[in-house]
Amino acid sequence: MISIHLEHNIVYTVAEGKLSDEDYDRLIPLLEEKIKSFGIIRWYFEMQEFEGWSLSAAWQDLKFDFRNNEKLERIAMVGDKKWEKELTLLMKPFTGASIKYFDLTQKDEAKNWIRKIAN
């Protein structure tokens, strides 16, 4: 399940359990609309009791990321598991976005970083 909150050019998501096609059927159009409106977006992705993606949801995510590589400015990955931190490191070569991992105890810091005006 995914919950979504939109604020200007920032998309805040909280993922719980395993993300499905239905989650991405809701999320992708919102991300694309934000890109259409602002050109470049930032994405806060918080993982709570996160179990990953169904295979087809992971494919939707991957297609979106490749299609919009230059339109993602920053991605804050927030979680509490070692594999979530490693996932962040694995993503870095595949995106033009600044991507940073934060522990769940650092949610406020992650939100401040995602909002920070680029220098």
PDB file of N, CA and C in Angstrom:
ATOM      1  N   MET A   1       0.836  -1.166   0.000  1.00  0.00           N
ATOM      2  CA  MET A   1       0.000   0.000   0.000  1.00  0.00           C
ATOM      3  C   MET A   1       0.892   1.245   0.000  1.00  0.00           C
ATOM      4  N   ILE A   2       0.432   2.270  -0.691  1.00  0.00           N
ATOM      5  CA  ILE A   2       1.191   3.512  -0.728  1.00  0.00           C
ATOM      6  C   ILE A   2       0.265   4.684  -0.434  1.00  0.00           C
ATOM      7  N   SER A   3       0.737   5.576   0.424  1.00  0.00           N
ATOM      8  CA  SER A   3       0.000   6.822   0.646  1.00  0.00           C
ATOM      9  C   SER A   3       0.798   7.938  -0.022  1.00  0.00           C
ATOM     10  N   ILE A   4       0.080   8.914  -0.557  1.00  0.00           N
ATOM     11  CA  ILE A   4       0.694   9.950  -1.381  1.00  0.00           C
ATOM     12  C   ILE A   4       0.225  11.318  -0.905  1.00  0.00           C
ATOM     13  N   HIS A   5       1.190  12.229  -0.775  1.00  0.00           N
ATOM     14  CA  HIS A   5       0.889  13.624  -0.441  1.00  0.00           C
ATOM     15  C   HIS A   5       1.668  14.492  -1.425  1.00  0.00           C
ATOM     16  N   LEU A   6       1.003  15.466  -2.005  1.00  0.00           N
ATOM     17  CA  LEU A   6       1.624  16.340  -2.999  1.00  0.00           C
ATOM     18  C   LEU A   6       1.786  17.739  -2.427  1.00  0.00           C
ATOM     19  N   GLU A   7       2.951  18.340  -2.673  1.00  0.00           N
ATOM     20  CA  GLU A   7       3.228  19.698  -2.214  1.00  0.00           C
ATOM     21  C   GLU A   7       4.157  20.358  -3.231  1.00  0.00           C
ATOM     22  N   HIS A   8       3.616  21.311  -3.981  1.00  0.00           N
ATOM     23  CA  HIS A   8       4.370  22.021  -5.018  1.00  0.00           C
ATOM     24  C   HIS A   8       5.007  20.981  -5.949  1.00  0.00           C
ATOM     25  N   ASN A   9       6.341  20.970  -6.075  1.00  0.00           N
ATOM     26  CA  ASN A   9       6.997  20.007  -6.963  1.00  0.00           C
ATOM     27  C   ASN A   9       7.562  18.800  -6.209  1.00  0.00           C
ATOM     28  N   ILE A  10       7.057  18.572  -5.002  1.00  0.00           N
ATOM     29  CA  ILE A  10       7.525  17.446  -4.187  1.00  0.00           C
ATOM     30  C   ILE A  10       6.392  16.437  -4.032  1.00  0.00           C
ATOM     31  N   VAL A  11       6.735  15.174  -4.225  1.00  0.00           N
ATOM     32  CA  VAL A  11       5.798  14.075  -4.016  1.00  0.00           C
ATOM     33  C   VAL A  11       6.300  13.300  -2.799  1.00  0.00           C
ATOM     34  N   TYR A  12       5.450  13.240  -1.775  1.00  0.00           N
ATOM     35  CA  TYR A  12       5.763  12.485  -0.564  1.00  0.00           C
ATOM     36  C   TYR A  12       4.995  11.175  -0.624  1.00  0.00           C
ATOM     37  N   THR A  13       5.712  10.068  -0.470  1.00  0.00           N
ATOM     38  CA  THR A  13       5.045   8.767  -0.456  1.00  0.00           C
ATOM     39  C   THR A  13       5.499   7.981   0.772  1.00  0.00           C
ATOM     40  N   VAL A  14       4.581   7.185   1.297  1.00  0.00           N
ATOM     41  CA  VAL A  14       4.901   6.242   2.366  1.00  0.00           C
ATOM     42  C   VAL A  14       4.443   4.874   1.883  1.00  0.00           C
ATOM     43  N   ALA A  15       5.398   3.971   1.739  1.00  0.00           N
ATOM     44  CA  ALA A  15       5.122   2.620   1.257  1.00  0.00           C
ATOM     45  C   ALA A  15       5.101   1.656   2.440  1.00  0.00           C
ATOM     46  N   GLU A  16       4.051   0.840   2.489  1.00  0.00           N
ATOM     47  CA  GLU A  16       3.914  -0.182   3.524  1.00  0.00           C
ATOM     48  C   GLU A  16       3.607  -1.513   2.859  1.00  0.00           C
ATOM     49  N   GLY A  17       4.188  -2.559   3.398  1.00  0.00           N
ATOM     50  CA  GLY A  17       3.955  -3.876   2.825  1.00  0.00           C
ATOM     51  C   GLY A  17       4.595  -3.987   1.450  1.00  0.00           C
ATOM     52  N   LYS A  18       3.932  -4.683   0.552  1.00  0.00           N
ATOM     53  CA  LYS A  18       4.439  -4.885  -0.808  1.00  0.00           C
ATOM     54  C   LYS A  18       3.654  -4.008  -1.771  1.00  0.00           C
ATOM     55  N   LEU A  19       4.366  -3.212  -2.586  1.00  0.00           N
ATOM     56  CA  LEU A  19       3.699  -2.345  -3.547  1.00  0.00           C
ATOM     57  C   LEU A  19       3.207  -3.160  -4.734  1.00  0.00           C
ATOM     58  N   SER A  20       2.009  -2.818  -5.204  1.00  0.00           N
ATOM     59  CA  SER A  20       1.335  -3.569  -6.257  1.00  0.00           C
ATOM     60  C   SER A  20       1.134  -2.706  -7.501  1.00  0.00           C
ATOM     61  N   ASP A  21       0.606  -3.328  -8.545  1.00  0.00           N
ATOM     62  CA  ASP A  21       0.232  -2.594  -9.761  1.00  0.00           C
ATOM     63  C   ASP A  21      -0.749  -1.478  -9.441  1.00  0.00           C
ATOM     64  N   GLU A  22      -1.700  -1.760  -8.564  1.00  0.00           N
ATOM     65  CA  GLU A  22      -2.710  -0.761  -8.217  1.00  0.00           C
ATOM     66  C   GLU A  22      -2.069   0.471  -7.585  1.00  0.00           C
ATOM     67  N   ASP A  23      -1.046   0.254  -6.766  1.00  0.00           N
ATOM     68  CA  ASP A  23      -0.332   1.390  -6.168  1.00  0.00           C
ATOM     69  C   ASP A  23       0.305   2.256  -7.255  1.00  0.00           C
ATOM     70  N   TYR A  24       0.939   1.599  -8.224  1.00  0.00           N
ATOM     71  CA  TYR A  24       1.598   2.353  -9.296  1.00  0.00           C
ATOM     72  C   TYR A  24       0.609   2.929 -10.295  1.00  0.00           C
ATOM     73  N   ASP A  25      -0.556   2.302 -10.432  1.00  0.00           N
ATOM     74  CA  ASP A  25      -1.611   2.878 -11.275  1.00  0.00           C
ATOM     75  C   ASP A  25      -2.094   4.209 -10.703  1.00  0.00           C
ATOM     76  N   ARG A  26      -2.010   4.376  -9.388  1.00  0.00           N
ATOM     77  CA  ARG A  26      -2.337   5.654  -8.738  1.00  0.00           C
ATOM     78  C   ARG A  26      -1.147   6.613  -8.766  1.00  0.00           C
ATOM     79  N   LEU A  27       0.048   6.098  -8.473  1.00  0.00           N
ATOM     80  CA  LEU A  27       1.226   6.933  -8.294  1.00  0.00           C
ATOM     81  C   LEU A  27       1.767   7.518  -9.596  1.00  0.00           C
ATOM     82  N   ILE A  28       1.948   6.702 -10.619  1.00  0.00           N
ATOM     83  CA  ILE A  28       2.596   7.152 -11.862  1.00  0.00           C
ATOM     84  C   ILE A  28       1.869   8.349 -12.485  1.00  0.00           C
ATOM     85  N   PRO A  29       0.543   8.333 -12.625  1.00  0.00           N
ATOM     86  CA  PRO A  29      -0.115   9.515 -13.196  1.00  0.00           C
ATOM     87  C   PRO A  29       0.106  10.791 -12.371  1.00  0.00           C
ATOM     88  N   LEU A  30       0.174  10.660 -11.057  1.00  0.00           N
ATOM     89  CA  LEU A  30       0.434  11.833 -10.210  1.00  0.00           C
ATOM     90  C   LEU A  30       1.848  12.363 -10.414  1.00  0.00           C
ATOM     91  N   LEU A  31       2.820  11.450 -10.496  1.00  0.00           N
ATOM     92  CA  LEU A  31       4.197  11.864 -10.763  1.00  0.00           C
ATOM     93  C   LEU A  31       4.295  12.547 -12.128  1.00  0.00           C
ATOM     94  N   GLU A  32       3.667  11.952 -13.125  1.00  0.00           N
ATOM     95  CA  GLU A  32       3.718  12.523 -14.475  1.00  0.00           C
ATOM     96  C   GLU A  32       3.036  13.884 -14.543  1.00  0.00           C
ATOM     97  N   GLU A  33       1.947  14.049 -13.800  1.00  0.00           N
ATOM     98  CA  GLU A  33       1.267  15.350 -13.760  1.00  0.00           C
ATOM     99  C   GLU A  33       2.152  16.406 -13.102  1.00  0.00           C
ATOM    100  N   LYS A  34       2.845  16.034 -12.045  1.00  0.00           N
ATOM    101  CA  LYS A  34       3.775  16.970 -11.387  1.00  0.00           C
ATOM    102  C   LYS A  34       4.913  17.347 -12.336  1.00  0.00           C
ATOM    103  N   ILE A  35       5.425  16.389 -13.080  1.00  0.00           N
ATOM    104  CA  ILE A  35       6.487  16.679 -14.049  1.00  0.00           C
ATOM    105  C   ILE A  35       5.959  17.623 -15.117  1.00  0.00           C
ATOM    106  N   LYS A  36       4.760  17.369 -15.590  1.00  0.00           N
ATOM    107  CA  LYS A  36       4.149  18.227 -16.606  1.00  0.00           C
ATOM    108  C   LYS A  36       3.982  19.651 -16.081  1.00  0.00           C
ATOM    109  N   SER A  37       3.602  19.796 -14.815  1.00  0.00           N
ATOM    110  CA  SER A  37       3.373  21.110 -14.216  1.00  0.00           C
ATOM    111  C   SER A  37       4.667  21.847 -13.865  1.00  0.00           C
ATOM    112  N   PHE A  38       5.676  21.131 -13.374  1.00  0.00           N
ATOM    113  CA  PHE A  38       6.876  21.776 -12.839  1.00  0.00           C
ATOM    114  C   PHE A  38       8.151  21.493 -13.622  1.00  0.00           C
ATOM    115  N   GLY A  39       8.137  20.513 -14.507  1.00  0.00           N
ATOM    116  CA  GLY A  39       9.336  20.184 -15.273  1.00  0.00           C
ATOM    117  C   GLY A  39      10.261  19.243 -14.536  1.00  0.00           C
ATOM    118  N   ILE A  40      10.561  19.568 -13.281  1.00  0.00           N
ATOM    119  CA  ILE A  40      11.451  18.757 -12.449  1.00  0.00           C
ATOM    120  C   ILE A  40      10.775  18.562 -11.100  1.00  0.00           C
ATOM    121  N   ILE A  41      10.854  17.331 -10.576  1.00  0.00           N
ATOM    122  CA  ILE A  41      10.235  17.054  -9.286  1.00  0.00           C
ATOM    123  C   ILE A  41      11.248  16.467  -8.317  1.00  0.00           C
ATOM    124  N   ARG A  42      10.824  16.438  -7.065  1.00  0.00           N
ATOM    125  CA  ARG A  42      11.571  15.792  -5.986  1.00  0.00           C
ATOM    126  C   ARG A  42      10.655  14.745  -5.372  1.00  0.00           C
ATOM    127  N   TRP A  43      11.253  13.655  -4.891  1.00  0.00           N
ATOM    128  CA  TRP A  43      10.455  12.539  -4.398  1.00  0.00           C
ATOM    129  C   TRP A  43      10.980  12.082  -3.042  1.00  0.00           C
ATOM    130  N   TYR A  44      10.105  12.132  -2.035  1.00  0.00           N
ATOM    131  CA  TYR A  44      10.371  11.615  -0.702  1.00  0.00           C
ATOM    132  C   TYR A  44       9.712  10.236  -0.649  1.00  0.00           C
ATOM    133  N   PHE A  45      10.509   9.182  -0.449  1.00  0.00           N
ATOM    134  CA  PHE A  45      10.008   7.804  -0.471  1.00  0.00           C
ATOM    135  C   PHE A  45      10.312   7.152   0.872  1.00  0.00           C
ATOM    136  N   GLU A  46       9.299   7.085   1.731  1.00  0.00           N
ATOM    137  CA  GLU A  46       9.457   6.493   3.062  1.00  0.00           C
ATOM    138  C   GLU A  46       8.964   5.052   3.041  1.00  0.00           C
ATOM    139  N   MET A  47       9.735   4.173   3.672  1.00  0.00           N
ATOM    140  CA  MET A  47       9.413   2.748   3.707  1.00  0.00           C
ATOM    141  C   MET A  47       9.133   2.325   5.145  1.00  0.00           C
ATOM    142  N   GLN A  48       7.908   1.869   5.417  1.00  0.00           N
ATOM    143  CA  GLN A  48       7.500   1.416   6.747  1.00  0.00           C
ATOM    144  C   GLN A  48       7.048  -0.034   6.633  1.00  0.00           C
ATOM    145  N   GLU A  49       7.745  -0.931   7.314  1.00  0.00           N
ATOM    146  CA  GLU A  49       7.423  -2.360   7.202  1.00  0.00           C
ATOM    147  C   GLU A  49       7.338  -2.747   5.721  1.00  0.00           C
ATOM    148  N   PHE A  50       8.268  -2.208   4.955  1.00  0.00           N
ATOM    149  CA  PHE A  50       8.268  -2.354   3.504  1.00  0.00           C
ATOM    150  C   PHE A  50       8.767  -3.733   3.100  1.00  0.00           C
ATOM    151  N   GLU A  51       8.055  -4.355   2.166  1.00  0.00           N
ATOM    152  CA  GLU A  51       8.405  -5.701   1.695  1.00  0.00           C
ATOM    153  C   GLU A  51       8.805  -5.714   0.231  1.00  0.00           C
ATOM    154  N   GLY A  52       8.919  -4.543  -0.387  1.00  0.00           N
ATOM    155  CA  GLY A  52       9.337  -4.483  -1.781  1.00  0.00           C
ATOM    156  C   GLY A  52       8.165  -4.297  -2.732  1.00  0.00           C
ATOM    157  N   TRP A  53       8.358  -4.784  -3.939  1.00  0.00           N
ATOM    158  CA  TRP A  53       7.391  -4.593  -5.018  1.00  0.00           C
ATOM    159  C   TRP A  53       6.991  -5.932  -5.595  1.00  0.00           C
ATOM    160  N   SER A  54       5.766  -5.997  -6.121  1.00  0.00           N
ATOM    161  CA  SER A  54       5.428  -7.140  -6.966  1.00  0.00           C
ATOM    162  C   SER A  54       6.288  -6.981  -8.221  1.00  0.00           C
ATOM    163  N   LEU A  55       6.494  -8.032  -8.971  1.00  0.00           N
ATOM    164  CA  LEU A  55       7.355  -7.968 -10.151  1.00  0.00           C
ATOM    165  C   LEU A  55       6.859  -6.926 -11.150  1.00  0.00           C
ATOM    166  N   SER A  56       5.571  -6.896 -11.413  1.00  0.00           N
ATOM    167  CA  SER A  56       5.050  -5.939 -12.395  1.00  0.00           C
ATOM    168  C   SER A  56       5.093  -4.510 -11.858  1.00  0.00           C
ATOM    169  N   ALA A  57       4.923  -4.310 -10.548  1.00  0.00           N
ATOM    170  CA  ALA A  57       5.039  -2.967  -9.966  1.00  0.00           C
ATOM    171  C   ALA A  57       6.490  -2.489 -10.061  1.00  0.00           C
ATOM    172  N   ALA A  58       7.436  -3.385  -9.813  1.00  0.00           N
ATOM    173  CA  ALA A  58       8.853  -3.018  -9.940  1.00  0.00           C
ATOM    174  C   ALA A  58       9.161  -2.614 -11.387  1.00  0.00           C
ATOM    175  N   TRP A  59       8.575  -3.314 -12.338  1.00  0.00           N
ATOM    176  CA  TRP A  59       8.772  -2.993 -13.748  1.00  0.00           C
ATOM    177  C   TRP A  59       8.201  -1.604 -14.069  1.00  0.00           C
ATOM    178  N   GLN A  60       7.015  -1.280 -13.541  1.00  0.00           N
ATOM    179  CA  GLN A  60       6.424   0.050 -13.750  1.00  0.00           C
ATOM    180  C   GLN A  60       7.331   1.128 -13.173  1.00  0.00           C
ATOM    181  N   ASP A  61       7.868   0.867 -11.980  1.00  0.00           N
ATOM    182  CA  ASP A  61       8.766   1.825 -11.329  1.00  0.00           C
ATOM    183  C   ASP A  61      10.009   2.042 -12.184  1.00  0.00           C
ATOM    184  N   LEU A  62      10.609   0.967 -12.638  1.00  0.00           N
ATOM    185  CA  LEU A  62      11.815   1.044 -13.450  1.00  0.00           C
ATOM    186  C   LEU A  62      11.570   1.798 -14.761  1.00  0.00           C
ATOM    187  N   LYS A  63      10.473   1.512 -15.426  1.00  0.00           N
ATOM    188  CA  LYS A  63      10.136   2.214 -16.671  1.00  0.00           C
ATOM    189  C   LYS A  63       9.951   3.708 -16.426  1.00  0.00           C
ATOM    190  N   PHE A  64       9.254   4.058 -15.340  1.00  0.00           N
ATOM    191  CA  PHE A  64       9.063   5.468 -15.016  1.00  0.00           C
ATOM    192  C   PHE A  64      10.412   6.146 -14.778  1.00  0.00           C
ATOM    193  N   ASP A  65      11.275   5.504 -13.981  1.00  0.00           N
ATOM    194  CA  ASP A  65      12.576   6.093 -13.655  1.00  0.00           C
ATOM    195  C   ASP A  65      13.420   6.328 -14.907  1.00  0.00           C
ATOM    196  N   PHE A  66      13.468   5.364 -15.808  1.00  0.00           N
ATOM    197  CA  PHE A  66      14.258   5.536 -17.034  1.00  0.00           C
ATOM    198  C   PHE A  66      13.665   6.605 -17.944  1.00  0.00           C
ATOM    199  N   ARG A  67      12.348   6.624 -18.056  1.00  0.00           N
ATOM    200  CA  ARG A  67      11.663   7.588 -18.911  1.00  0.00           C
ATOM    201  C   ARG A  67      11.820   9.017 -18.395  1.00  0.00           C
ATOM    202  N   ASN A  68      11.986   9.161 -17.088  1.00  0.00           N
ATOM    203  CA  ASN A  68      12.019  10.486 -16.470  1.00  0.00           C
ATOM    204  C   ASN A  68      13.336  10.758 -15.745  1.00  0.00           C
ATOM    205  N   ASN A  69      14.389  10.115 -16.175  1.00  0.00           N
ATOM    206  CA  ASN A  69      15.699  10.211 -15.545  1.00  0.00           C
ATOM    207  C   ASN A  69      16.126  11.650 -15.271  1.00  0.00           C
ATOM    208  N   GLU A  70      15.967  12.531 -16.221  1.00  0.00           N
ATOM    209  CA  GLU A  70      16.423  13.912 -16.082  1.00  0.00           C
ATOM    210  C   GLU A  70      15.391  14.808 -15.400  1.00  0.00           C
ATOM    211  N   LYS A  71      14.248  14.273 -15.062  1.00  0.00           N
ATOM    212  CA  LYS A  71      13.180  15.090 -14.480  1.00  0.00           C
ATOM    213  C   LYS A  71      13.032  14.880 -12.978  1.00  0.00           C
ATOM    214  N   LEU A  72      13.869  14.011 -12.431  1.00  0.00           N
ATOM    215  CA  LEU A  72      13.912  13.790 -10.995  1.00  0.00           C
ATOM    216  C   LEU A  72      15.142  14.506 -10.452  1.00  0.00           C
ATOM    217  N   GLU A  73      14.927  15.519  -9.621  1.00  0.00           N
ATOM    218  CA  GLU A  73      16.044  16.317  -9.101  1.00  0.00           C
ATOM    219  C   GLU A  73      16.652  15.703  -7.841  1.00  0.00           C
ATOM    220  N   ARG A  74      15.785  15.318  -6.911  1.00  0.00           N
ATOM    221  CA  ARG A  74      16.237  14.725  -5.652  1.00  0.00           C
ATOM    222  C   ARG A  74      15.294  13.598  -5.261  1.00  0.00           C
ATOM    223  N   ILE A  75      15.876  12.562  -4.664  1.00  0.00           N
ATOM    224  CA  ILE A  75      15.083  11.464  -4.110  1.00  0.00           C
ATOM    225  C   ILE A  75      15.616  11.189  -2.707  1.00  0.00           C
ATOM    226  N   ALA A  76      14.738  11.301  -1.719  1.00  0.00           N
ATOM    227  CA  ALA A  76      15.071  10.941  -0.339  1.00  0.00           C
ATOM    228  C   ALA A  76      14.468   9.573  -0.062  1.00  0.00           C
ATOM    229  N   MET A  77      15.308   8.610   0.228  1.00  0.00           N
ATOM    230  CA  MET A  77      14.863   7.256   0.574  1.00  0.00           C
ATOM    231  C   MET A  77      14.958   7.135   2.095  1.00  0.00           C
ATOM    232  N   VAL A  78      13.851   6.793   2.736  1.00  0.00           N
ATOM    233  CA  VAL A  78      13.795   6.757   4.195  1.00  0.00           C
ATOM    234  C   VAL A  78      13.342   5.372   4.636  1.00  0.00           C
ATOM    235  N   GLY A  79      14.168   4.699   5.416  1.00  0.00           N
ATOM    236  CA  GLY A  79      13.818   3.351   5.844  1.00  0.00           C
ATOM    237  C   GLY A  79      14.584   2.928   7.073  1.00  0.00           C
ATOM    238  N   ASP A  80      14.495   1.647   7.398  1.00  0.00           N
ATOM    239  CA  ASP A  80      15.183   1.143   8.593  1.00  0.00           C
ATOM    240  C   ASP A  80      15.785  -0.243   8.395  1.00  0.00           C
ATOM    241  N   LYS A  81      15.915  -0.661   7.156  1.00  0.00           N
ATOM    242  CA  LYS A  81      16.491  -1.973   6.896  1.00  0.00           C
ATOM    243  C   LYS A  81      17.753  -1.839   6.045  1.00  0.00           C
ATOM    244  N   LYS A  82      18.682  -2.732   6.263  1.00  0.00           N
ATOM    245  CA  LYS A  82      19.949  -2.688   5.534  1.00  0.00           C
ATOM    246  C   LYS A  82      19.724  -2.767   4.023  1.00  0.00           C
ATOM    247  N   TRP A  83      18.804  -3.632   3.577  1.00  0.00           N
ATOM    248  CA  TRP A  83      18.595  -3.788   2.135  1.00  0.00           C
ATOM    249  C   TRP A  83      18.021  -2.509   1.525  1.00  0.00           C
ATOM    250  N   GLU A  84      17.263  -1.723   2.308  1.00  0.00           N
ATOM    251  CA  GLU A  84      16.716  -0.466   1.799  1.00  0.00           C
ATOM    252  C   GLU A  84      17.846   0.545   1.567  1.00  0.00           C
ATOM    253  N   LYS A  85      18.807   0.556   2.491  1.00  0.00           N
ATOM    254  CA  LYS A  85      19.975   1.432   2.325  1.00  0.00           C
ATOM    255  C   LYS A  85      20.794   0.996   1.111  1.00  0.00           C
ATOM    256  N   GLU A  86      20.980  -0.302   0.946  1.00  0.00           N
ATOM    257  CA  GLU A  86      21.734  -0.825  -0.191  1.00  0.00           C
ATOM    258  C   GLU A  86      21.010  -0.546  -1.507  1.00  0.00           C
ATOM    259  N   LEU A  87      19.682  -0.593  -1.488  1.00  0.00           N
ATOM    260  CA  LEU A  87      18.892  -0.271  -2.669  1.00  0.00           C
ATOM    261  C   LEU A  87      19.182   1.157  -3.132  1.00  0.00           C
ATOM    262  N   THR A  88      19.292   2.063  -2.184  1.00  0.00           N
ATOM    263  CA  THR A  88      19.613   3.459  -2.498  1.00  0.00           C
ATOM    264  C   THR A  88      20.955   3.545  -3.225  1.00  0.00           C
ATOM    265  N   LEU A  89      21.946   2.819  -2.743  1.00  0.00           N
ATOM    266  CA  LEU A  89      23.263   2.816  -3.393  1.00  0.00           C
ATOM    267  C   LEU A  89      23.191   2.222  -4.796  1.00  0.00           C
ATOM    268  N   LEU A  90      22.396   1.179  -4.958  1.00  0.00           N
ATOM    269  CA  LEU A  90      22.240   0.549  -6.271  1.00  0.00           C
ATOM    270  C   LEU A  90      21.562   1.473  -7.279  1.00  0.00           C
ATOM    271  N   MET A  91      20.678   2.340  -6.809  1.00  0.00           N
ATOM    272  CA  MET A  91      19.934   3.230  -7.698  1.00  0.00           C
ATOM    273  C   MET A  91      20.790   4.367  -8.258  1.00  0.00           C
ATOM    274  N   LYS A  92      21.808   4.777  -7.521  1.00  0.00           N
ATOM    275  CA  LYS A  92      22.581   5.976  -7.879  1.00  0.00           C
ATOM    276  C   LYS A  92      23.091   5.997  -9.321  1.00  0.00           C
ATOM    277  N   PRO A  93      23.650   4.918  -9.851  1.00  0.00           N
ATOM    278  CA  PRO A  93      24.151   4.993 -11.231  1.00  0.00           C
ATOM    279  C   PRO A  93      23.053   5.099 -12.291  1.00  0.00           C
ATOM    280  N   PHE A  94      21.805   4.830 -11.902  1.00  0.00           N
ATOM    281  CA  PHE A  94      20.714   4.776 -12.870  1.00  0.00           C
ATOM    282  C   PHE A  94      19.823   6.009 -12.874  1.00  0.00           C
ATOM    283  N   THR A  95      20.206   7.028 -12.121  1.00  0.00           N
ATOM    284  CA  THR A  95      19.392   8.235 -12.074  1.00  0.00           C
ATOM    285  C   THR A  95      20.281   9.471 -12.092  1.00  0.00           C
ATOM    286  N   GLY A  96      19.761  10.525 -12.674  1.00  0.00           N
ATOM    287  CA  GLY A  96      20.449  11.806 -12.652  1.00  0.00           C
ATOM    288  C   GLY A  96      20.141  12.579 -11.382  1.00  0.00           C
ATOM    289  N   ALA A  97      19.242  12.043 -10.561  1.00  0.00           N
ATOM    290  CA  ALA A  97      18.829  12.719  -9.333  1.00  0.00           C
ATOM    291  C   ALA A  97      19.894  12.591  -8.254  1.00  0.00           C
ATOM    292  N   SER A  98      19.929  13.592  -7.376  1.00  0.00           N
ATOM    293  CA  SER A  98      20.678  13.435  -6.134  1.00  0.00           C
ATOM    294  C   SER A  98      19.828  12.514  -5.280  1.00  0.00           C
ATOM    295  N   ILE A  99      20.407  11.440  -4.821  1.00  0.00           N
ATOM    296  CA  ILE A  99      19.655  10.461  -4.046  1.00  0.00           C
ATOM    297  C   ILE A  99      20.377  10.229  -2.728  1.00  0.00           C
ATOM    298  N   LYS A 100      19.605  10.219  -1.654  1.00  0.00           N
ATOM    299  CA  LYS A 100      20.211  10.104  -0.331  1.00  0.00           C
ATOM    300  C   LYS A 100      19.330   9.230   0.546  1.00  0.00           C
ATOM    301  N   TYR A 101      19.978   8.376   1.348  1.00  0.00           N
ATOM    302  CA  TYR A 101      19.270   7.504   2.276  1.00  0.00           C
ATOM    303  C   TYR A 101      19.247   8.137   3.667  1.00  0.00           C
ATOM    304  N   PHE A 102      18.097   8.025   4.332  1.00  0.00           N
ATOM    305  CA  PHE A 102      17.931   8.470   5.708  1.00  0.00           C
ATOM    306  C   PHE A 102      17.277   7.344   6.500  1.00  0.00           C
ATOM    307  N   ASP A 103      17.671   7.193   7.753  1.00  0.00           N
ATOM    308  CA  ASP A 103      17.014   6.256   8.637  1.00  0.00           C
ATOM    309  C   ASP A 103      15.652   6.831   9.033  1.00  0.00           C
ATOM    310  N   LEU A 104      14.716   5.948   9.417  1.00  0.00           N
ATOM    311  CA  LEU A 104      13.380   6.403   9.819  1.00  0.00           C
ATOM    312  C   LEU A 104      13.439   7.432  10.950  1.00  0.00           C
ATOM    313  N   THR A 105      14.461   7.348  11.784  1.00  0.00           N
ATOM    314  CA  THR A 105      14.602   8.318  12.874  1.00  0.00           C
ATOM    315  C   THR A 105      15.010   9.695  12.352  1.00  0.00           C
ATOM    316  N   GLN A 106      15.369   9.786  11.072  1.00  0.00           N
ATOM    317  CA  GLN A 106      15.814  11.042  10.458  1.00  0.00           C
ATOM    318  C   GLN A 106      14.777  11.603   9.479  1.00  0.00           C
ATOM    319  N   LYS A 107      13.509  11.267   9.673  1.00  0.00           N
ATOM    320  CA  LYS A 107      12.457  11.715   8.752  1.00  0.00           C
ATOM    321  C   LYS A 107      12.441  13.232   8.582  1.00  0.00           C
ATOM    322  N   ASP A 108      12.558  13.957   9.678  1.00  0.00           N
ATOM    323  CA  ASP A 108      12.527  15.423   9.583  1.00  0.00           C
ATOM    324  C   ASP A 108      13.709  15.939   8.775  1.00  0.00           C
ATOM    325  N   GLU A 109      14.879  15.367   9.003  1.00  0.00           N
ATOM    326  CA  GLU A 109      16.067  15.757   8.239  1.00  0.00           C
ATOM    327  C   GLU A 109      15.866  15.460   6.750  1.00  0.00           C
ATOM    328  N   ALA A 110      15.277  14.317   6.441  1.00  0.00           N
ATOM    329  CA  ALA A 110      15.018  13.945   5.048  1.00  0.00           C
ATOM    330  C   ALA A 110      14.045  14.925   4.395  1.00  0.00           C
ATOM    331  N   LYS A 111      13.002  15.296   5.123  1.00  0.00           N
ATOM    332  CA  LYS A 111      12.024  16.246   4.583  1.00  0.00           C
ATOM    333  C   LYS A 111      12.655  17.617   4.381  1.00  0.00           C
ATOM    334  N   ASN A 112      13.518  18.037   5.300  1.00  0.00           N
ATOM    335  CA  ASN A 112      14.224  19.309   5.128  1.00  0.00           C
ATOM    336  C   ASN A 112      15.150  19.264   3.911  1.00  0.00           C
ATOM    337  N   TRP A 113      15.837  18.129   3.717  1.00  0.00           N
ATOM    338  CA  TRP A 113      16.754  17.992   2.582  1.00  0.00           C
ATOM    339  C   TRP A 113      15.987  18.024   1.253  1.00  0.00           C
ATOM    340  N   ILE A 114      14.844  17.359   1.219  1.00  0.00           N
ATOM    341  CA  ILE A 114      14.072  17.291  -0.034  1.00  0.00           C
ATOM    342  C   ILE A 114      13.499  18.669  -0.390  1.00  0.00           C
ATOM    343  N   ARG A 115      13.239  19.507   0.633  1.00  0.00           N
ATOM    344  CA  ARG A 115      12.700  20.848   0.395  1.00  0.00           C
ATOM    345  C   ARG A 115      13.787  21.888   0.129  1.00  0.00           C
ATOM    346  N   LYS A 116      15.012  21.595   0.535  1.00  0.00           N
ATOM    347  CA  LYS A 116      16.102  22.580   0.468  1.00  0.00           C
ATOM    348  C   LYS A 116      16.308  23.073  -0.946  1.00  0.00           C
ATOM    349  N   ILE A 117      16.475  24.378  -1.067  1.00  0.00           N
ATOM    350  CA  ILE A 117      16.736  24.983  -2.364  1.00  0.00           C
ATOM    351  C   ILE A 117      18.159  24.626  -2.793  1.00  0.00           C
ATOM    352  N   ALA A 118      18.295  24.161  -4.033  1.00  0.00           N
ATOM    353  CA  ALA A 118      19.608  23.763  -4.552  1.00  0.00           C
ATOM    354  C   ALA A 118      20.543  24.960  -4.625  1.00  0.00           C
ATOM    355  N   ASN A 119      21.801  24.720  -4.332  1.00  0.00           N
ATOM    356  CA  ASN A 119      22.806  25.788  -4.401  1.00  0.00           C
ATOM    357  C   ASN A 119      23.415  25.891  -5.777  1.00  0.00           C
TER     358      ASN A 119
END
